[in-house]
Amino acid sequence: MTTNLEMNVPTLAELTAQGESPEIVFWVGCAGSFDDRAKRVTKAFVKILNAVGIKFAVLGTEESCTGDPARRAGNEFLFQMQAMSNIQVLNGYNVKKIVTACPHCFNTIKNEYPELGGNYEVIHHSSYLQQLINEGKIKLSEGGSFKGKKITYHDSCYLGRANNIYEAPREVLQALDADLVEMKKCRTTGLCCGAGGAQMFKEPEKGKQDINIARTEDALSTGASTIAVACPFCMTMMTDGVKNKEKEATVQVKDLAELIAEAIK
């Protein structure tokens, strides 16, 4: 990763105390905060924001789980408790614009918080990265390490089918000058990684094959050396699938933010 990109992460409380307000609030999410692999995505996105001079802040310890896993697992009471707590904090700071690297957080805050009084402009980091590239704020090194390499993109259910975001992640990948190869099941017919609906936190039911293994086979069949994802849940499931196929030495699973951070000038 490029070494000249800084790691500067102000909290919303710190900025507010200085009488300042950020352009965006970066919602890190549980995975981005606690999962070792997803933390690398958080760092990559922060480095991009610092490199292009975006004034942002995180909630830090004031951020709690959005409640998505609780609601998907059927615990509506816990979901509403977590959601109301977060909405109280966000509204207390008069937050207007939120960017998150997790489609589950994105979907919950964007589509489910309004009914509880939480109304914000919510953007997934794939759309935000595309916006920064289109505006010329992110400048990528030409003929970089991805030139001519095959990359395939796995559609996250909560980005694609739930929110109709299919092109932004692909446009981000095309900016890398890589060879984007599609799986047969992609976009509206994409296959779930197997983590949604709180399945991430339990053992799969008995069947012929785990979903993440089937999805990894789809990705490997493209001949791509990089499987690009835009969701921490997908990251875990696809990485486990690559390990199951013993392809770790030749195939990498990376988030869009990591790929851009590597290619940024």
C-alpha atoms as a PDB file:
ATOM      1  CA  MET A   1       0.000   0.000   0.000  1.00  0.00           C
ATOM      2  CA  THR A   2       1.215   3.495  -0.766  1.00  0.00           C
ATOM      3  CA  THR A   3       3.152   4.766   2.226  1.00  0.00           C
ATOM      4  CA  ASN A   4       2.561   8.505   1.782  1.00  0.00           C
ATOM      5  CA  LEU A   5      -1.144   8.204   2.609  1.00  0.00           C
ATOM      6  CA  GLU A   6      -1.840   9.403   6.118  1.00  0.00           C
ATOM      7  CA  MET A   7      -3.896   7.882   8.919  1.00  0.00           C
ATOM      8  CA  ASN A   8      -5.719  10.763  10.556  1.00  0.00           C
ATOM      9  CA  VAL A   9      -9.065   9.865  12.125  1.00  0.00           C
ATOM     10  CA  PRO A  10     -10.864  12.654  14.017  1.00  0.00           C
ATOM     11  CA  THR A  11     -13.985  11.877  16.030  1.00  0.00           C
ATOM     12  CA  LEU A  12     -17.180  13.873  15.643  1.00  0.00           C
ATOM     13  CA  ALA A  13     -16.941  14.866  19.312  1.00  0.00           C
ATOM     14  CA  GLU A  14     -13.471  16.358  18.735  1.00  0.00           C
ATOM     15  CA  LEU A  15     -14.539  18.344  15.679  1.00  0.00           C
ATOM     16  CA  THR A  16     -17.702  19.576  17.386  1.00  0.00           C
ATOM     17  CA  ALA A  17     -15.661  20.732  20.392  1.00  0.00           C
ATOM     18  CA  GLN A  18     -13.552  22.809  17.974  1.00  0.00           C
ATOM     19  CA  GLY A  19     -16.686  24.323  16.456  1.00  0.00           C
ATOM     20  CA  GLU A  20     -16.167  22.470  13.177  1.00  0.00           C
ATOM     21  CA  SER A  21     -18.328  20.057  11.212  1.00  0.00           C
ATOM     22  CA  PRO A  22     -17.187  17.389   8.718  1.00  0.00           C
ATOM     23  CA  GLU A  23     -18.264  16.969   5.086  1.00  0.00           C
ATOM     24  CA  ILE A  24     -19.141  13.357   5.858  1.00  0.00           C
ATOM     25  CA  VAL A  25     -19.462  11.044   8.845  1.00  0.00           C
ATOM     26  CA  PHE A  26     -17.683   7.756   8.115  1.00  0.00           C
ATOM     27  CA  TRP A  27     -19.785   4.988   9.662  1.00  0.00           C
ATOM     28  CA  VAL A  28     -17.225   2.263  10.380  1.00  0.00           C
ATOM     29  CA  GLY A  29     -19.572  -0.544  11.453  1.00  0.00           C
ATOM     30  CA  CYS A  30     -18.932  -3.556  13.692  1.00  0.00           C
ATOM     31  CA  ALA A  31     -16.857  -5.478  11.148  1.00  0.00           C
ATOM     32  CA  GLY A  32     -14.756  -2.436  10.227  1.00  0.00           C
ATOM     33  CA  SER A  33     -14.095  -1.800  13.919  1.00  0.00           C
ATOM     34  CA  PHE A  34     -13.486  -5.285  15.295  1.00  0.00           C
ATOM     35  CA  ASP A  35     -12.823  -7.805  12.514  1.00  0.00           C
ATOM     36  CA  ASP A  36      -9.086  -7.922  11.746  1.00  0.00           C
ATOM     37  CA  ARG A  37      -9.572  -8.358   8.001  1.00  0.00           C
ATOM     38  CA  ALA A  38     -12.245  -5.653   7.738  1.00  0.00           C
ATOM     39  CA  LYS A  39     -10.058  -3.229   9.737  1.00  0.00           C
ATOM     40  CA  ARG A  40      -7.681  -3.175   6.769  1.00  0.00           C
ATOM     41  CA  VAL A  41     -10.565  -1.947   4.593  1.00  0.00           C
ATOM     42  CA  THR A  42     -11.344   0.788   7.142  1.00  0.00           C
ATOM     43  CA  LYS A  43      -7.715   1.917   7.103  1.00  0.00           C
ATOM     44  CA  ALA A  44      -7.586   1.880   3.301  1.00  0.00           C
ATOM     45  CA  PHE A  45     -10.715   4.044   3.048  1.00  0.00           C
ATOM     46  CA  VAL A  46      -9.402   6.490   5.672  1.00  0.00           C
ATOM     47  CA  LYS A  47      -6.118   6.786   3.770  1.00  0.00           C
ATOM     48  CA  ILE A  48      -8.034   7.620   0.576  1.00  0.00           C
ATOM     49  CA  LEU A  49     -10.134  10.270   2.380  1.00  0.00           C
ATOM     50  CA  ASN A  50      -6.989  11.849   3.840  1.00  0.00           C
ATOM     51  CA  ALA A  51      -5.158  11.691   0.505  1.00  0.00           C
ATOM     52  CA  VAL A  52      -7.893  13.599  -1.344  1.00  0.00           C
ATOM     53  CA  GLY A  53      -8.495  16.065   1.489  1.00  0.00           C
ATOM     54  CA  ILE A  54     -12.017  15.078   2.506  1.00  0.00           C
ATOM     55  CA  LYS A  55     -12.945  16.489   5.898  1.00  0.00           C
ATOM     56  CA  PHE A  56     -14.528  13.552   7.711  1.00  0.00           C
ATOM     57  CA  ALA A  57     -15.117  12.246  11.215  1.00  0.00           C
ATOM     58  CA  VAL A  58     -16.081   8.984  12.891  1.00  0.00           C
ATOM     59  CA  LEU A  59     -18.314   8.514  15.925  1.00  0.00           C
ATOM     60  CA  GLY A  60     -15.714   6.341  17.655  1.00  0.00           C
ATOM     61  CA  THR A  61     -17.016   4.845  20.885  1.00  0.00           C
ATOM     62  CA  GLU A  62     -20.347   6.613  20.351  1.00  0.00           C
ATOM     63  CA  GLU A  63     -21.088   4.323  17.394  1.00  0.00           C
ATOM     64  CA  SER A  64     -23.063   1.174  18.134  1.00  0.00           C
ATOM     65  CA  CYS A  65     -24.203  -1.711  15.902  1.00  0.00           C
ATOM     66  CA  THR A  66     -26.959  -0.540  13.523  1.00  0.00           C
ATOM     67  CA  GLY A  67     -29.122  -3.455  14.647  1.00  0.00           C
ATOM     68  CA  ASP A  68     -29.153  -5.137  11.221  1.00  0.00           C
ATOM     69  CA  PRO A  69     -28.156  -8.638  12.463  1.00  0.00           C
ATOM     70  CA  ALA A  70     -30.695  -8.425  15.306  1.00  0.00           C
ATOM     71  CA  ARG A  71     -33.561  -7.534  12.954  1.00  0.00           C
ATOM     72  CA  ARG A  72     -32.573 -10.188  10.383  1.00  0.00           C
ATOM     73  CA  ALA A  73     -32.439 -12.794  13.139  1.00  0.00           C
ATOM     74  CA  GLY A  74     -35.920 -11.791  14.298  1.00  0.00           C
ATOM     75  CA  ASN A  75     -35.125  -9.729  17.406  1.00  0.00           C
ATOM     76  CA  GLU A  76     -37.086  -6.589  16.544  1.00  0.00           C
ATOM     77  CA  PHE A  77     -36.905  -5.262  20.119  1.00  0.00           C
ATOM     78  CA  LEU A  78     -33.083  -5.299  20.119  1.00  0.00           C
ATOM     79  CA  PHE A  79     -33.005  -3.714  16.651  1.00  0.00           C
ATOM     80  CA  GLN A  80     -35.159  -0.799  17.768  1.00  0.00           C
ATOM     81  CA  MET A  81     -33.075  -0.291  20.918  1.00  0.00           C
ATOM     82  CA  GLN A  82     -29.850  -0.141  18.897  1.00  0.00           C
ATOM     83  CA  ALA A  83     -31.369   2.002  16.158  1.00  0.00           C
ATOM     84  CA  MET A  84     -32.888   4.537  18.564  1.00  0.00           C
ATOM     85  CA  SER A  85     -29.588   4.843  20.430  1.00  0.00           C
ATOM     86  CA  ASN A  86     -27.699   5.569  17.201  1.00  0.00           C
ATOM     87  CA  ILE A  87     -30.336   7.972  15.896  1.00  0.00           C
ATOM     88  CA  GLN A  88     -30.190   9.919  19.163  1.00  0.00           C
ATOM     89  CA  VAL A  89     -26.412  10.317  18.798  1.00  0.00           C
ATOM     90  CA  LEU A  90     -26.545  11.215  15.087  1.00  0.00           C
ATOM     91  CA  ASN A  91     -29.371  13.718  15.532  1.00  0.00           C
ATOM     92  CA  GLY A  92     -27.576  15.184  18.552  1.00  0.00           C
ATOM     93  CA  TYR A  93     -24.680  16.083  16.252  1.00  0.00           C
ATOM     94  CA  ASN A  94     -27.058  17.201  13.489  1.00  0.00           C
ATOM     95  CA  VAL A  95     -25.483  14.722  11.070  1.00  0.00           C
ATOM     96  CA  LYS A  96     -26.556  15.123   7.436  1.00  0.00           C
ATOM     97  CA  LYS A  97     -24.307  12.861   5.345  1.00  0.00           C
ATOM     98  CA  ILE A  98     -23.033   9.363   6.166  1.00  0.00           C
ATOM     99  CA  VAL A  99     -20.650   7.165   4.164  1.00  0.00           C
ATOM    100  CA  THR A 100     -20.147   3.507   5.086  1.00  0.00           C
ATOM    101  CA  ALA A 101     -18.169   0.596   3.635  1.00  0.00           C
ATOM    102  CA  CYS A 102     -20.763  -1.944   4.832  1.00  0.00           C
ATOM    103  CA  PRO A 103     -23.877  -2.574   2.675  1.00  0.00           C
ATOM    104  CA  HIS A 104     -25.733  -3.890   5.745  1.00  0.00           C
ATOM    105  CA  CYS A 105     -25.128  -0.647   7.660  1.00  0.00           C
ATOM    106  CA  PHE A 106     -25.889   1.302   4.458  1.00  0.00           C
ATOM    107  CA  ASN A 107     -29.235  -0.418   3.876  1.00  0.00           C
ATOM    108  CA  THR A 108     -30.331  -0.198   7.522  1.00  0.00           C
ATOM    109  CA  ILE A 109     -29.463   3.474   8.073  1.00  0.00           C
ATOM    110  CA  LYS A 110     -30.733   4.549   4.625  1.00  0.00           C
ATOM    111  CA  ASN A 111     -33.954   2.563   4.417  1.00  0.00           C
ATOM    112  CA  GLU A 112     -34.942   1.584   7.968  1.00  0.00           C
ATOM    113  CA  TYR A 113     -33.820   4.440  10.223  1.00  0.00           C
ATOM    114  CA  PRO A 114     -36.193   7.055   8.671  1.00  0.00           C
ATOM    115  CA  GLU A 115     -39.252   5.326  10.189  1.00  0.00           C
ATOM    116  CA  LEU A 116     -37.619   5.820  13.609  1.00  0.00           C
ATOM    117  CA  GLY A 117     -36.715   9.483  13.043  1.00  0.00           C
ATOM    118  CA  GLY A 118     -33.257   9.072  11.513  1.00  0.00           C
ATOM    119  CA  ASN A 119     -33.154  10.882   8.161  1.00  0.00           C
ATOM    120  CA  TYR A 120     -29.740  11.196   6.527  1.00  0.00           C
ATOM    121  CA  GLU A 121     -28.098  11.148   3.121  1.00  0.00           C
ATOM    122  CA  VAL A 122     -26.442   7.724   3.201  1.00  0.00           C
ATOM    123  CA  ILE A 123     -23.834   6.704   0.608  1.00  0.00           C
ATOM    124  CA  HIS A 124     -22.037   3.399   0.199  1.00  0.00           C
ATOM    125  CA  HIS A 125     -18.281   3.738  -0.233  1.00  0.00           C
ATOM    126  CA  SER A 126     -18.429   2.234  -3.753  1.00  0.00           C
ATOM    127  CA  SER A 127     -20.653   5.131  -4.909  1.00  0.00           C
ATOM    128  CA  TYR A 128     -18.530   7.628  -2.997  1.00  0.00           C
ATOM    129  CA  LEU A 129     -15.288   6.335  -4.526  1.00  0.00           C
ATOM    130  CA  GLN A 130     -16.867   6.474  -7.982  1.00  0.00           C
ATOM    131  CA  GLN A 131     -17.900  10.083  -7.293  1.00  0.00           C
ATOM    132  CA  LEU A 132     -14.357  11.042  -6.184  1.00  0.00           C
ATOM    133  CA  ILE A 133     -12.855   9.372  -9.283  1.00  0.00           C
ATOM    134  CA  ASN A 134     -15.345  11.104 -11.623  1.00  0.00           C
ATOM    135  CA  GLU A 135     -14.596  14.483 -10.003  1.00  0.00           C
ATOM    136  CA  GLY A 136     -10.881  13.908 -10.570  1.00  0.00           C
ATOM    137  CA  LYS A 137     -10.118  14.008  -6.844  1.00  0.00           C
ATOM    138  CA  ILE A 138      -8.742  10.462  -6.841  1.00  0.00           C
ATOM    139  CA  LYS A 139      -5.864  10.248  -9.288  1.00  0.00           C
ATOM    140  CA  LEU A 140      -4.709   6.734 -10.072  1.00  0.00           C
ATOM    141  CA  SER A 141      -1.212   5.891 -11.266  1.00  0.00           C
ATOM    142  CA  GLU A 142      -1.329   4.851 -14.924  1.00  0.00           C
ATOM    143  CA  GLY A 143      -0.136   1.400 -15.864  1.00  0.00           C
ATOM    144  CA  GLY A 144      -0.223   0.437 -12.204  1.00  0.00           C
ATOM    145  CA  SER A 145       0.010  -3.008 -10.677  1.00  0.00           C
ATOM    146  CA  PHE A 146      -3.494  -3.910 -11.915  1.00  0.00           C
ATOM    147  CA  LYS A 147      -2.957  -3.194 -15.627  1.00  0.00           C
ATOM    148  CA  GLY A 148      -4.117  -6.185 -17.638  1.00  0.00           C
ATOM    149  CA  LYS A 149      -4.879  -8.271 -14.561  1.00  0.00           C
ATOM    150  CA  LYS A 150      -8.183 -10.093 -14.368  1.00  0.00           C
ATOM    151  CA  ILE A 151     -10.531  -8.914 -11.608  1.00  0.00           C
ATOM    152  CA  THR A 152     -14.031 -10.254 -11.010  1.00  0.00           C
ATOM    153  CA  TYR A 153     -16.598  -8.453  -8.865  1.00  0.00           C
ATOM    154  CA  HIS A 154     -19.022 -10.169  -6.495  1.00  0.00           C
ATOM    155  CA  ASP A 155     -22.313  -8.268  -6.056  1.00  0.00           C
ATOM    156  CA  SER A 156     -23.383  -7.763  -2.453  1.00  0.00           C
ATOM    157  CA  CYS A 157     -27.097  -8.519  -1.996  1.00  0.00           C
ATOM    158  CA  TYR A 158     -27.715  -5.357   0.022  1.00  0.00           C
ATOM    159  CA  LEU A 159     -25.996  -3.192  -2.574  1.00  0.00           C
ATOM    160  CA  GLY A 160     -27.386  -4.876  -5.664  1.00  0.00           C
ATOM    161  CA  ARG A 161     -30.824  -6.390  -5.319  1.00  0.00           C
ATOM    162  CA  ALA A 162     -31.799  -4.350  -2.261  1.00  0.00           C
ATOM    163  CA  ASN A 163     -30.573  -0.941  -3.450  1.00  0.00           C
ATOM    164  CA  ASN A 164     -29.960  -1.328  -7.197  1.00  0.00           C
ATOM    165  CA  ILE A 165     -26.287  -0.313  -7.002  1.00  0.00           C
ATOM    166  CA  TYR A 166     -24.560  -2.305  -9.723  1.00  0.00           C
ATOM    167  CA  GLU A 167     -22.549   0.122 -11.825  1.00  0.00           C
ATOM    168  CA  ALA A 168     -20.670   2.195  -9.214  1.00  0.00           C
ATOM    169  CA  PRO A 169     -18.428  -0.668  -8.000  1.00  0.00           C
ATOM    170  CA  ARG A 170     -17.706  -1.711 -11.582  1.00  0.00           C
ATOM    171  CA  GLU A 171     -16.803   1.836 -12.630  1.00  0.00           C
ATOM    172  CA  VAL A 172     -14.396   2.013  -9.694  1.00  0.00           C
ATOM    173  CA  LEU A 173     -12.733  -1.214 -10.849  1.00  0.00           C
ATOM    174  CA  GLN A 174     -12.583  -0.054 -14.467  1.00  0.00           C
ATOM    175  CA  ALA A 175     -10.667   3.027 -13.299  1.00  0.00           C
ATOM    176  CA  LEU A 176      -7.891   0.638 -12.238  1.00  0.00           C
ATOM    177  CA  ASP A 177      -7.250  -0.235 -15.897  1.00  0.00           C
ATOM    178  CA  ALA A 178      -7.760  -3.900 -15.056  1.00  0.00           C
ATOM    179  CA  ASP A 179      -9.566  -6.527 -17.100  1.00  0.00           C
ATOM    180  CA  LEU A 180     -12.994  -6.808 -15.417  1.00  0.00           C
ATOM    181  CA  VAL A 181     -14.409 -10.284 -16.036  1.00  0.00           C
ATOM    182  CA  GLU A 182     -17.978 -11.039 -14.992  1.00  0.00           C
ATOM    183  CA  MET A 183     -19.263 -14.221 -13.397  1.00  0.00           C
ATOM    184  CA  LYS A 184     -22.251 -15.852 -15.111  1.00  0.00           C
ATOM    185  CA  LYS A 185     -24.381 -15.037 -12.074  1.00  0.00           C
ATOM    186  CA  CYS A 186     -23.924 -11.300 -11.668  1.00  0.00           C
ATOM    187  CA  ARG A 187     -25.873  -8.081 -11.212  1.00  0.00           C
ATOM    188  CA  THR A 188     -29.595  -8.895 -10.772  1.00  0.00           C
ATOM    189  CA  THR A 189     -28.919 -12.634 -10.982  1.00  0.00           C
ATOM    190  CA  GLY A 190     -25.927 -12.549  -8.619  1.00  0.00           C
ATOM    191  CA  LEU A 191     -25.612 -15.284  -6.014  1.00  0.00           C
ATOM    192  CA  CYS A 192     -25.534 -14.451  -2.301  1.00  0.00           C
ATOM    193  CA  CYS A 193     -22.227 -15.157  -0.515  1.00  0.00           C
ATOM    194  CA  GLY A 194     -24.203 -16.983   2.179  1.00  0.00           C
ATOM    195  CA  ALA A 195     -23.746 -14.482   5.018  1.00  0.00           C
ATOM    196  CA  GLY A 196     -26.948 -12.428   4.833  1.00  0.00           C
ATOM    197  CA  GLY A 197     -29.977 -12.789   7.067  1.00  0.00           C
ATOM    198  CA  ALA A 198     -27.672 -13.299  10.083  1.00  0.00           C
ATOM    199  CA  GLN A 199     -26.458 -16.591   8.550  1.00  0.00           C
ATOM    200  CA  MET A 200     -22.954 -15.165   9.071  1.00  0.00           C
ATOM    201  CA  PHE A 201     -23.169 -15.982  12.777  1.00  0.00           C
ATOM    202  CA  LYS A 202     -24.252 -19.617  12.652  1.00  0.00           C
ATOM    203  CA  GLU A 203     -23.343 -22.912  11.083  1.00  0.00           C
ATOM    204  CA  PRO A 204     -25.083 -23.615   7.748  1.00  0.00           C
ATOM    205  CA  GLU A 205     -27.983 -26.038   7.522  1.00  0.00           C
ATOM    206  CA  LYS A 206     -27.271 -29.431   6.023  1.00  0.00           C
ATOM    207  CA  GLY A 207     -27.201 -29.525   2.243  1.00  0.00           C
ATOM    208  CA  LYS A 208     -25.102 -30.538  -0.716  1.00  0.00           C
ATOM    209  CA  GLN A 209     -22.787 -27.511  -0.688  1.00  0.00           C
ATOM    210  CA  ASP A 210     -22.153 -24.327   1.313  1.00  0.00           C
ATOM    211  CA  ILE A 211     -23.264 -21.223  -0.597  1.00  0.00           C
ATOM    212  CA  ASN A 212     -19.910 -19.483  -0.201  1.00  0.00           C
ATOM    213  CA  ILE A 213     -18.125 -22.459  -1.784  1.00  0.00           C
ATOM    214  CA  ALA A 214     -20.510 -22.402  -4.761  1.00  0.00           C
ATOM    215  CA  ARG A 215     -20.025 -18.653  -5.126  1.00  0.00           C
ATOM    216  CA  THR A 216     -16.230 -18.971  -4.902  1.00  0.00           C
ATOM    217  CA  GLU A 217     -16.355 -21.584  -7.664  1.00  0.00           C
ATOM    218  CA  ASP A 218     -18.240 -19.039  -9.818  1.00  0.00           C
ATOM    219  CA  ALA A 219     -15.474 -16.497  -9.171  1.00  0.00           C
ATOM    220  CA  LEU A 220     -12.594 -18.906  -9.765  1.00  0.00           C
ATOM    221  CA  SER A 221     -14.121 -20.073 -13.045  1.00  0.00           C
ATOM    222  CA  THR A 222     -13.520 -16.571 -14.496  1.00  0.00           C
ATOM    223  CA  GLY A 223      -9.759 -17.040 -14.184  1.00  0.00           C
ATOM    224  CA  ALA A 224      -9.475 -13.805 -12.175  1.00  0.00           C
ATOM    225  CA  SER A 225      -6.541 -13.382  -9.802  1.00  0.00           C
ATOM    226  CA  THR A 226      -8.501 -10.888  -7.674  1.00  0.00           C
ATOM    227  CA  ILE A 227     -12.053 -11.235  -6.368  1.00  0.00           C
ATOM    228  CA  ALA A 228     -13.287  -7.727  -5.608  1.00  0.00           C
ATOM    229  CA  VAL A 229     -15.928  -7.245  -2.924  1.00  0.00           C
ATOM    230  CA  ALA A 230     -17.623  -4.227  -1.347  1.00  0.00           C
ATOM    231  CA  CYS A 231     -18.925  -5.788   1.880  1.00  0.00           C
ATOM    232  CA  PRO A 232     -17.182  -7.154   5.001  1.00  0.00           C
ATOM    233  CA  PHE A 233     -19.585 -10.119   5.156  1.00  0.00           C
ATOM    234  CA  CYS A 234     -18.824 -11.033   1.530  1.00  0.00           C
ATOM    235  CA  MET A 235     -15.116 -10.572   2.298  1.00  0.00           C
ATOM    236  CA  THR A 236     -15.243 -13.249   5.034  1.00  0.00           C
ATOM    237  CA  MET A 237     -17.319 -15.719   3.031  1.00  0.00           C
ATOM    238  CA  MET A 238     -15.338 -15.393  -0.207  1.00  0.00           C
ATOM    239  CA  THR A 239     -12.001 -15.556   1.648  1.00  0.00           C
ATOM    240  CA  ASP A 240     -13.150 -18.751   3.386  1.00  0.00           C
ATOM    241  CA  GLY A 241     -14.206 -20.109  -0.005  1.00  0.00           C
ATOM    242  CA  VAL A 242     -10.781 -19.399  -1.527  1.00  0.00           C
ATOM    243  CA  LYS A 243      -9.132 -21.129   1.440  1.00  0.00           C
ATOM    244  CA  ASN A 244     -11.452 -24.117   1.007  1.00  0.00           C
ATOM    245  CA  LYS A 245     -10.273 -24.381  -2.612  1.00  0.00           C
ATOM    246  CA  GLU A 246      -6.634 -23.923  -1.476  1.00  0.00           C
ATOM    247  CA  LYS A 247      -6.155 -20.996  -3.850  1.00  0.00           C
ATOM    248  CA  GLU A 248      -4.838 -18.420  -1.335  1.00  0.00           C
ATOM    249  CA  ALA A 249      -1.451 -18.305  -3.075  1.00  0.00           C
ATOM    250  CA  THR A 250      -2.896 -17.293  -6.447  1.00  0.00           C
ATOM    251  CA  VAL A 251      -6.235 -15.569  -5.766  1.00  0.00           C
ATOM    252  CA  GLN A 252      -6.779 -12.540  -3.525  1.00  0.00           C
ATOM    253  CA  VAL A 253     -10.046 -11.253  -2.107  1.00  0.00           C
ATOM    254  CA  LYS A 254      -9.936  -7.469  -1.758  1.00  0.00           C
ATOM    255  CA  ASP A 255     -12.320  -4.623  -1.058  1.00  0.00           C
ATOM    256  CA  LEU A 256     -12.692  -1.782  -3.564  1.00  0.00           C
ATOM    257  CA  ALA A 257     -11.122   0.648  -1.077  1.00  0.00           C
ATOM    258  CA  GLU A 258      -8.008  -1.509  -0.748  1.00  0.00           C
ATOM    259  CA  LEU A 259      -7.586  -1.714  -4.517  1.00  0.00           C
ATOM    260  CA  ILE A 260      -7.950   2.057  -4.920  1.00  0.00           C
ATOM    261  CA  ALA A 261      -5.587   2.765  -1.999  1.00  0.00           C
ATOM    262  CA  GLU A 262      -2.955   0.601  -3.682  1.00  0.00           C
ATOM    263  CA  ALA A 263      -3.332   2.366  -7.035  1.00  0.00           C
ATOM    264  CA  ILE A 264      -3.631   5.962  -5.830  1.00  0.00           C
ATOM    265  CA  LYS A 265      -0.845   8.367  -6.849  1.00  0.00           C
END
